[in-house]
Structure formats: C-alpha cells, structure tokens
Amino acid sequence: MTTAPLDKGAALQKLPRDKTRVSHTAVFWIGFCMVMAALIAAPLVLPEFWRRLTTEILIWGLLAMSSDLLIGYTGMVSFGHSAFFGLGMYGAAGALLIVSPPNLWLAILFGLAGAAGAALFVAYFSTRLRDIYFAITTLIFSQIFYVIIFTWTAVTGGENGLIFTRPHLRIPFLYDARFTSTTMHWFVLAVVASSYLMLRRVTQSPFGMVLQSIRENEPRTRAIGYRVENFKMVAVMLSGLFAGLAGVLYAIQNEFAAPDFVYFLTSGETVIYNVMGGIGTLVGPIVGAGFFHLMRELLSRFFGEQFPYLIPLGLIFIAMIIFLPQGILGFARRWLNR
C-alpha cells in the first residue's frame, strides 16, 4: 500500500531533472542553429580575403577540436598533431596527383588513411607513458615524420612540397562543379560541423566518460577494471583521424602540401588554441583558433613589417593565461551564470 506514494514521489522529484535536461538540449540546438546560420551566410557578405580566412579558421578549429579530445577529455597533452595534420595533407595531395581526374572523396580517403596509420603507430608506443613523458614522445614522433617528409624529396617534394589542382565537388548523379571560395567554405563548414557533432557524441558516451575518468584519476580507473591503455589508444587514433581530416581540408583549400605544417610548431599552436578558447569544451578550441588568427592578422596589419607582431600576441596570450585561465568560453560561461 505504501509503494504507490513512494513511486509517485520519486517520479515528481525526477521531473525537474528531465525539464532541465530538455531545456539544456533546446538551448544547445538553438545556439547551434544560430551559429550555423551566421557561418552559412558569412561568405555571401564577406570580401574574398576574409571569406578565405574564415574558412581557414574553421579548418584550424577542427584541428584544435581533435586535440581537445586528448588534452581536455583524457588529460594527455599531445605535440604530435602536426604529424597527423601533415600526413592528412600529403595523403590527399598524393591521391590528387596520382589519380586522374582528381577525385575529392579519394583524396579524403587517402588523407584519413595516412593520418590513421600514423596515429596507430604513435599511439602504440606513446600511450604506455604518462604526463610529460607522453608529450615528449609525441613531439619526438612528429619530428621523425617531419624529417622523413623533408628529406624524401622524390616522393614528398622535399622543402618545396607538392602542388596540385583542386578537385571538383562531385556528388554522383546530383552535383558536379568546380569549387569556388563560397562552395569551399560551405563544404568545410559541413565537415567541421559534422565532426563537432560526432566528437560531442563521443565525449558524452560511456567511452567518453571513461576518458574523463582517466583524466581525473588514472590509477583508480585502472583499479576498477578498465584497460586504460586500450582507451588511450582509441582516443589517440580518433584524435589523429580528425586532425588528418583537418589536414585534408587545408590541402584542398590551398592546393598544396608543405613540410612546414608537419613541424612541431603546428602542434604548439594547436595547444595555444585550446588554452585560449577553453580546454575540455570542443567549441572553445574553435573560438581560440578564430581569436588567434584574427589577432595575428590585425596585429600584423597594425604594426606592419617594422615590428614583430608576435610579441604583442604573446603578451596577450600570457595575460589570458593569468586572468582567463578557463579560456574565452569559460569566461563567457562564468559571466552568463552570474
């Protein structure tokens, strides 16, 4: 006789939680659709230069977001993402130069295969280590790939890189046309938005919960029965796959692949994007990439060639670390929740 009131009371207590969850989901999708609408309309109103810059920011944002899966959700700082990004570029470039006529989807497939192979190789050896040792190991591997690409002139073009023609955007039986800066922007936006939704789903899945558990307390995660090394390996491979996808997009956008992008400085900038935007948010690294590249462009125009614009940019970065340790997105969340 007393079970009904208890069940009813439990149901009543559950209602506010369900309503909160629904409201958060609604706010997310409303915000997502508003941002997507603004980015879809951007190439229709922006001049050519700013249109291309916006597209590149989205690509760098995808690279930063892939890195956030390790830095923000698994607690593993990687300096190997330049290798995944660069091998994505060279895989796409190789496919576009070998196959005639150039095929966009084949280029994406080759780029992803190259990045996935490198990620598997790096993950197998580096995930056995933790903290600074993992970071140094990924840095060493990225430099190994850089030296190979830089010196293997017969295949990679050496320091000159590879130049190719941008393929058509071809959807069988539906669409076939050359890329313009506008359609290139929309294509990149579609890929980045889809990647964000997939990574968001991964981080909210049981797999993502285990990654966050590893970040918070790896020994305890191991003690309760999870094979931590396997989860780390999958995380590195997923992260490397999306980094390679960013490399494919960058190569197609600029119609070349160069060894400079495999150098570890690319990985360093990726970490800066995460810190500036907000680690462990997925969206924050995209915001950080946009802020970094926008400030670099504006400061270079303001100071010109007479003054190294990276000095004031570095000072801004230091100030953000001191006064905005949670990044731009973290600061915005805290300000809105006041």
Protein backbone atom coordinates (compact mmCIF):
# COMPACT_ATOMS: atom_id res chain seq x y z
CA MET A 1 0.00 0.00 0.00
CA THR A 2 2.89 2.41 0.65
CA THR A 3 4.74 1.75 -2.59
CA ALA A 4 2.48 3.94 -4.75
CA PRO A 5 3.15 7.21 -2.87
CA LEU A 6 6.88 6.49 -2.87
CA ASP A 7 6.88 5.80 -6.61
CA LYS A 8 4.84 8.93 -7.20
CA GLY A 9 7.20 11.00 -5.07
CA ALA A 10 10.24 9.66 -6.90
CA ALA A 11 8.58 10.48 -10.21
CA LEU A 12 7.85 14.03 -9.04
CA GLN A 13 11.47 14.50 -7.99
CA LYS A 14 12.62 13.28 -11.39
CA LEU A 15 10.51 15.81 -13.31
CA PRO A 16 12.71 18.89 -12.64
CA ARG A 17 15.80 17.00 -13.78
CA ASP A 18 14.09 15.94 -17.00
CA LYS A 19 12.90 19.50 -17.62
CA THR A 20 16.43 20.86 -17.02
CA ARG A 21 17.90 18.31 -19.41
CA VAL A 22 15.34 19.18 -22.09
CA SER A 23 15.92 22.92 -21.62
CA HIS A 24 19.72 22.49 -21.93
CA THR A 25 19.26 20.43 -25.10
CA ALA A 26 16.92 23.05 -26.55
CA VAL A 27 19.35 25.88 -25.75
CA PHE A 28 22.20 23.91 -27.37
CA TRP A 29 20.33 23.27 -30.62
CA ILE A 30 19.03 26.83 -30.82
CA GLY A 31 22.55 28.18 -30.35
CA PHE A 32 24.00 25.64 -32.80
CA CYS A 33 21.47 26.58 -35.49
CA MET A 34 22.10 30.31 -34.97
CA VAL A 35 25.87 29.91 -35.31
CA MET A 36 25.44 27.68 -38.37
CA ALA A 37 23.12 30.23 -40.00
CA ALA A 38 25.68 33.00 -39.41
CA LEU A 39 28.54 30.91 -40.83
CA ILE A 40 26.46 29.84 -43.85
CA ALA A 41 25.67 33.49 -44.62
CA ALA A 42 29.26 34.68 -43.98
CA PRO A 43 30.70 34.02 -47.48
CA LEU A 44 27.79 35.85 -49.08
CA VAL A 45 28.66 39.13 -47.33
CA LEU A 46 32.41 38.95 -46.64
CA PRO A 47 35.12 40.09 -49.08
CA GLU A 48 37.27 37.41 -50.69
CA PHE A 49 40.17 37.66 -48.24
CA TRP A 50 38.02 37.48 -45.10
CA ARG A 51 35.99 34.69 -46.67
CA ARG A 52 39.12 32.57 -47.12
CA LEU A 53 40.35 33.48 -43.63
CA THR A 54 37.03 32.37 -42.10
CA THR A 55 37.31 29.06 -43.94
CA GLU A 56 40.86 28.54 -42.69
CA ILE A 57 39.80 29.37 -39.13
CA LEU A 58 37.22 26.58 -39.35
CA ILE A 59 39.93 24.16 -40.50
CA TRP A 60 42.31 25.17 -37.71
CA GLY A 61 39.36 24.90 -35.33
CA LEU A 62 38.83 21.29 -36.42
CA LEU A 63 42.50 20.55 -35.73
CA ALA A 64 42.23 22.18 -32.28
CA MET A 65 38.99 20.31 -31.55
CA SER A 66 40.65 16.99 -32.37
CA SER A 67 43.46 17.87 -29.96
CA ASP A 68 40.92 18.76 -27.26
CA LEU A 69 39.75 15.14 -27.20
CA LEU A 70 43.16 14.31 -25.72
CA ILE A 71 44.03 17.47 -23.79
CA GLY A 72 40.63 18.32 -22.37
CA TYR A 73 38.90 14.96 -22.03
CA THR A 74 41.74 12.48 -21.48
CA GLY A 75 44.31 14.71 -19.79
CA MET A 76 47.03 13.93 -22.37
CA VAL A 77 48.94 16.86 -23.89
CA SER A 78 49.99 15.89 -27.41
CA PHE A 79 52.61 17.59 -29.55
CA GLY A 80 52.15 15.05 -32.34
CA HIS A 81 49.14 16.56 -34.06
CA SER A 82 51.33 18.31 -36.61
CA ALA A 83 52.25 14.83 -37.91
CA PHE A 84 48.62 13.74 -38.23
CA PHE A 85 47.69 17.06 -39.85
CA GLY A 86 50.63 16.93 -42.25
CA LEU A 87 50.11 13.31 -43.25
CA GLY A 88 46.47 14.13 -43.96
CA MET A 89 47.71 16.86 -46.28
CA TYR A 90 50.24 14.65 -48.05
CA GLY A 91 47.82 11.73 -48.33
CA ALA A 92 45.28 13.95 -50.05
CA ALA A 93 47.96 15.52 -52.26
CA GLY A 94 49.26 12.09 -53.32
CA ALA A 95 45.78 10.90 -54.28
CA LEU A 96 45.09 14.06 -56.29
CA LEU A 97 48.40 13.79 -58.16
CA ILE A 98 48.23 10.04 -58.87
CA VAL A 99 44.58 9.61 -59.85
CA SER A 100 43.24 11.27 -62.98
CA PRO A 101 40.86 13.01 -63.00
CA PRO A 102 41.38 14.19 -59.39
CA ASN A 103 38.76 12.75 -57.06
CA LEU A 104 37.77 14.61 -53.89
CA TRP A 105 36.46 11.60 -51.99
CA LEU A 106 39.52 9.51 -52.84
CA ALA A 107 41.73 12.35 -51.58
CA ILE A 108 39.83 12.41 -48.28
CA LEU A 109 40.14 8.62 -48.00
CA PHE A 110 43.92 8.66 -48.64
CA GLY A 111 44.43 11.53 -46.22
CA LEU A 112 42.47 9.81 -43.46
CA ALA A 113 44.34 6.54 -44.09
CA GLY A 114 47.70 8.29 -43.77
CA ALA A 115 46.71 10.07 -40.57
CA ALA A 116 45.14 6.93 -39.08
CA GLY A 117 48.27 4.87 -39.80
CA ALA A 118 50.49 7.46 -38.14
CA ALA A 119 48.11 7.76 -35.18
CA LEU A 120 48.10 3.99 -34.68
CA PHE A 121 51.90 3.90 -34.76
CA VAL A 122 52.28 6.81 -32.33
CA ALA A 123 49.50 5.54 -30.03
CA TYR A 124 51.01 2.07 -29.72
CA PHE A 125 54.26 3.40 -28.25
CA SER A 126 53.27 6.66 -26.55
CA THR A 127 50.18 5.56 -24.60
CA ARG A 128 52.36 3.38 -22.39
CA LEU A 129 53.69 6.63 -20.90
CA ARG A 130 52.04 9.38 -18.89
CA ASP A 131 52.17 13.15 -18.37
CA ILE A 132 55.29 14.91 -19.67
CA TYR A 133 56.76 11.64 -20.99
CA PHE A 134 53.75 11.17 -23.27
CA ALA A 135 54.04 14.77 -24.51
CA ILE A 136 57.77 14.43 -25.24
CA THR A 137 57.25 11.11 -27.03
CA THR A 138 54.59 12.58 -29.34
CA LEU A 139 56.92 15.52 -30.01
CA ILE A 140 59.74 13.15 -31.00
CA PHE A 141 57.46 11.19 -33.34
CA SER A 142 56.23 14.37 -35.02
CA GLN A 143 59.82 15.41 -35.66
CA ILE A 144 60.64 11.98 -37.07
CA PHE A 145 57.78 12.31 -39.57
CA TYR A 146 58.92 15.86 -40.37
CA VAL A 147 62.48 14.73 -41.18
CA ILE A 148 61.19 11.88 -43.36
CA ILE A 149 58.89 14.19 -45.33
CA PHE A 150 61.53 16.91 -45.61
CA THR A 151 64.27 14.59 -46.89
CA TRP A 152 62.25 12.15 -49.04
CA THR A 153 62.32 14.56 -51.97
CA ALA A 154 61.40 12.02 -54.67
CA VAL A 155 58.01 11.36 -53.06
CA THR A 156 57.15 14.43 -50.97
CA GLY A 157 58.87 17.16 -52.98
CA GLY A 158 61.14 17.98 -50.04
CA GLU A 159 61.07 21.58 -48.86
CA ASN A 160 59.11 22.61 -51.97
CA GLY A 161 56.19 20.36 -51.07
CA LEU A 162 53.53 19.21 -53.53
CA ILE A 163 51.29 21.39 -55.68
CA PHE A 164 48.12 20.08 -57.29
CA THR A 165 44.83 21.15 -58.80
CA ARG A 166 41.78 21.38 -56.58
CA PRO A 167 39.29 18.62 -57.45
CA HIS A 168 35.67 19.16 -58.40
CA LEU A 169 32.97 18.88 -55.79
CA ARG A 170 31.27 15.84 -57.25
CA ILE A 171 28.19 14.11 -55.82
CA PRO A 172 27.22 11.24 -58.16
CA PHE A 173 24.06 11.91 -60.21
CA LEU A 174 23.39 15.13 -58.24
CA TYR A 175 26.16 17.73 -58.48
CA ASP A 176 29.46 18.28 -60.27
CA ALA A 177 31.19 21.67 -60.33
CA ARG A 178 34.48 23.36 -59.55
CA PHE A 179 34.99 24.68 -56.05
CA THR A 180 34.58 28.40 -55.57
CA SER A 181 35.60 30.17 -52.37
CA THR A 182 31.93 30.16 -51.34
CA THR A 183 31.25 26.47 -52.00
CA MET A 184 34.62 25.61 -50.44
CA HIS A 185 33.55 27.46 -47.29
CA TRP A 186 30.22 25.63 -47.17
CA PHE A 187 31.91 22.26 -47.72
CA VAL A 188 34.43 22.91 -44.93
CA LEU A 189 31.64 24.15 -42.65
CA ALA A 190 29.63 20.97 -43.27
CA VAL A 191 32.63 18.75 -42.47
CA VAL A 192 33.60 20.73 -39.33
CA ALA A 193 30.01 20.84 -38.03
CA SER A 194 29.58 17.09 -38.61
CA SER A 195 32.91 16.41 -36.90
CA TYR A 196 31.88 18.53 -33.92
CA LEU A 197 28.61 16.63 -33.51
CA MET A 198 30.41 13.29 -33.75
CA LEU A 199 33.06 14.30 -31.20
CA ARG A 200 30.37 15.70 -28.91
CA ARG A 201 28.56 12.38 -29.07
CA VAL A 202 31.81 10.53 -28.33
CA THR A 203 32.57 12.67 -25.26
CA GLN A 204 29.05 12.14 -23.88
CA SER A 205 29.08 8.38 -24.46
CA PRO A 206 30.23 5.76 -21.90
CA PHE A 207 33.56 5.72 -23.76
CA GLY A 208 33.89 9.47 -23.21
CA MET A 209 33.04 9.07 -19.53
CA VAL A 210 35.89 6.59 -19.17
CA LEU A 211 38.27 9.04 -20.86
CA GLN A 212 37.27 11.71 -18.35
CA SER A 213 37.76 9.21 -15.54
CA ILE A 214 41.30 8.59 -16.82
CA ARG A 215 41.88 12.34 -16.81
CA GLU A 216 40.71 12.70 -13.21
CA ASN A 217 42.30 9.59 -11.69
CA GLU A 218 44.04 7.08 -13.92
CA PRO A 219 45.10 4.61 -11.16
CA ARG A 220 41.54 4.41 -9.82
CA THR A 221 40.17 3.91 -13.33
CA ARG A 222 42.60 1.05 -13.79
CA ALA A 223 41.71 -0.36 -10.36
CA ILE A 224 38.00 -0.68 -11.16
CA GLY A 225 38.77 -2.87 -14.16
CA TYR A 226 39.20 -0.66 -17.24
CA ARG A 227 42.11 -1.36 -19.59
CA VAL A 228 43.38 2.20 -19.62
CA GLU A 229 45.97 1.70 -22.38
CA ASN A 230 43.28 0.49 -24.81
CA PHE A 231 41.09 3.51 -24.14
CA LYS A 232 44.08 5.82 -24.58
CA MET A 233 45.00 4.17 -27.87
CA VAL A 234 41.49 4.61 -29.27
CA ALA A 235 41.45 8.23 -28.07
CA VAL A 236 44.76 9.00 -29.82
CA MET A 237 43.59 7.29 -33.01
CA LEU A 238 40.27 9.17 -33.02
CA SER A 239 42.06 12.43 -32.34
CA GLY A 240 44.61 11.74 -35.08
CA LEU A 241 41.86 10.84 -37.55
CA PHE A 242 40.10 14.18 -37.14
CA ALA A 243 43.44 16.01 -37.23
CA GLY A 244 44.15 14.27 -40.54
CA LEU A 245 40.74 15.36 -41.82
CA ALA A 246 41.69 18.95 -41.00
CA GLY A 247 44.90 18.45 -42.96
CA VAL A 248 42.95 17.17 -45.97
CA LEU A 249 40.69 20.22 -45.90
CA TYR A 250 43.64 22.60 -45.59
CA ALA A 251 45.42 20.98 -48.53
CA ILE A 252 42.34 21.18 -50.75
CA GLN A 253 41.67 24.76 -49.68
CA ASN A 254 45.21 25.95 -50.54
CA GLU A 255 46.08 23.42 -53.29
CA PHE A 256 49.44 22.43 -51.83
CA ALA A 257 51.11 20.35 -49.12
CA ALA A 258 54.29 21.55 -47.42
CA PRO A 259 56.60 20.09 -44.75
CA ASP A 260 56.32 23.23 -42.60
CA PHE A 261 52.92 22.04 -41.41
CA VAL A 262 54.43 18.80 -40.09
CA TYR A 263 56.89 20.74 -37.92
CA PHE A 264 56.13 20.72 -34.19
CA LEU A 265 55.25 24.45 -34.17
CA THR A 266 51.89 23.49 -35.65
CA SER A 267 51.29 21.28 -32.61
CA GLY A 268 52.32 24.12 -30.31
CA GLU A 269 49.85 26.50 -31.92
CA THR A 270 47.15 23.84 -31.58
CA VAL A 271 47.74 23.72 -27.82
CA ILE A 272 47.53 27.54 -27.73
CA TYR A 273 44.14 27.41 -29.48
CA ASN A 274 42.89 25.09 -26.75
CA VAL A 275 44.17 27.22 -23.90
CA MET A 276 42.85 30.46 -25.40
CA GLY A 277 39.39 29.10 -26.17
CA GLY A 278 38.82 26.78 -23.23
CA ILE A 279 40.07 23.24 -22.67
CA GLY A 280 37.55 20.40 -22.48
CA THR A 281 34.73 22.17 -24.32
CA LEU A 282 35.20 21.23 -28.04
CA VAL A 283 33.74 24.61 -29.03
CA GLY A 284 36.39 26.54 -27.09
CA PRO A 285 39.31 25.43 -29.28
CA ILE A 286 37.45 26.67 -32.38
CA VAL A 287 36.90 30.02 -30.66
CA GLY A 288 40.56 30.05 -29.65
CA ALA A 289 41.70 29.35 -33.22
CA GLY A 290 39.49 32.16 -34.51
CA PHE A 291 40.77 34.60 -31.88
CA PHE A 292 44.42 33.68 -32.50
CA HIS A 293 44.29 34.05 -36.28
CA LEU A 294 42.16 37.19 -36.17
CA MET A 295 44.52 38.86 -33.69
CA ARG A 296 47.55 37.79 -35.73
CA GLU A 297 46.06 39.28 -38.88
CA LEU A 298 45.03 42.55 -37.20
CA LEU A 299 48.34 42.97 -35.33
CA SER A 300 50.39 42.28 -38.47
CA ARG A 301 48.41 44.95 -40.29
CA PHE A 302 48.75 47.42 -37.41
CA PHE A 303 52.49 47.01 -36.80
CA GLY A 304 53.47 46.12 -40.36
CA GLU A 305 56.90 44.65 -41.08
CA GLN A 306 58.75 47.13 -38.88
CA PHE A 307 57.79 45.39 -35.61
CA PRO A 308 57.46 41.68 -34.79
CA TYR A 309 53.73 41.34 -34.23
CA LEU A 310 54.18 38.01 -32.43
CA ILE A 311 55.49 39.90 -29.38
CA PRO A 312 52.18 41.65 -28.59
CA LEU A 313 50.33 38.44 -29.50
CA GLY A 314 52.48 36.57 -26.98
CA LEU A 315 51.75 39.21 -24.33
CA ILE A 316 48.02 38.79 -24.98
CA PHE A 317 48.39 35.03 -24.57
CA ILE A 318 50.25 35.45 -21.25
CA ALA A 319 47.58 37.86 -19.99
CA MET A 320 44.85 35.39 -20.92
CA ILE A 321 46.58 32.58 -19.03
CA ILE A 322 46.81 34.79 -15.92
CA PHE A 323 43.39 36.46 -15.99
CA LEU A 324 41.32 33.97 -18.04
CA PRO A 325 42.70 30.54 -17.05
CA GLN A 326 39.50 28.85 -18.25
CA GLY A 327 39.75 30.45 -21.69
CA ILE A 328 37.35 32.67 -23.59
CA LEU A 329 34.49 30.18 -23.45
CA GLY A 330 34.98 29.52 -19.75
CA PHE A 331 34.94 33.25 -19.02
CA ALA A 332 31.78 33.69 -21.11
CA ARG A 333 30.03 30.86 -19.24
CA ARG A 334 31.02 32.28 -15.86
CA TRP A 335 29.83 35.78 -16.83
CA LEU A 336 26.48 34.50 -18.13
CA ASN A 337 25.90 32.42 -14.98
CA ARG A 338 26.37 35.37 -12.61
